[in-house]
Amino acid sequence: MSMQSRKTPRHTSQAGFTLIEMLVVIMLIAAIAAVVAGKIVQNKHKAEYNLAKTQLNSLAAQIDQYQGDVGDYPESLDALVAAPAQAENWLGPYAKKEDLKDPWHRPIEYRKPGVDEAPYSLTSLGVDGKPGGDGVDKDLVAP
């Protein structure tokens, strides 16, 4: 047998990825990550907005309990945490200091009298912290 008949044919192509192929894959992964991250942030904002709604309703119930015990609505939300000097029959604390801030760590606005002839109102300015807005940026008002 001659030497040539025992040789195996050589492959001229090499296995592996080119730089362009790797860049395309990295760009696709980055695009998917951006979409997923956007959805996560959007869902986080929705959850915080719903938490703020629940928090305002709970705080409104605590104000009503204060009014039932004391006979008048508090002058400020601080009266739910510590007894004011003029509040007889105060049976609190009705809330914790951290309950007086919305999920974005901004103070909940309390007005006495409230809007639309209500005895009081509570307001959170939503995700953006600015008056007005739509969606999760919309102001929350209770009761």
Foldseek 3Di string as FASTA:
>chain_A
DDPVVPDDDDDPDDDDDDPVVVVVVVVVVVVVVVVVVVVVVVVVQVVLLVQQLVLQVLLVVLQVVLCVQQVAGDPDSVCLVPPDPPGPRGPDVSDHPQSQAGPVRHGWDKDAPPPPRRRIKTKQQFDVRDAADDDRRYMDMDD
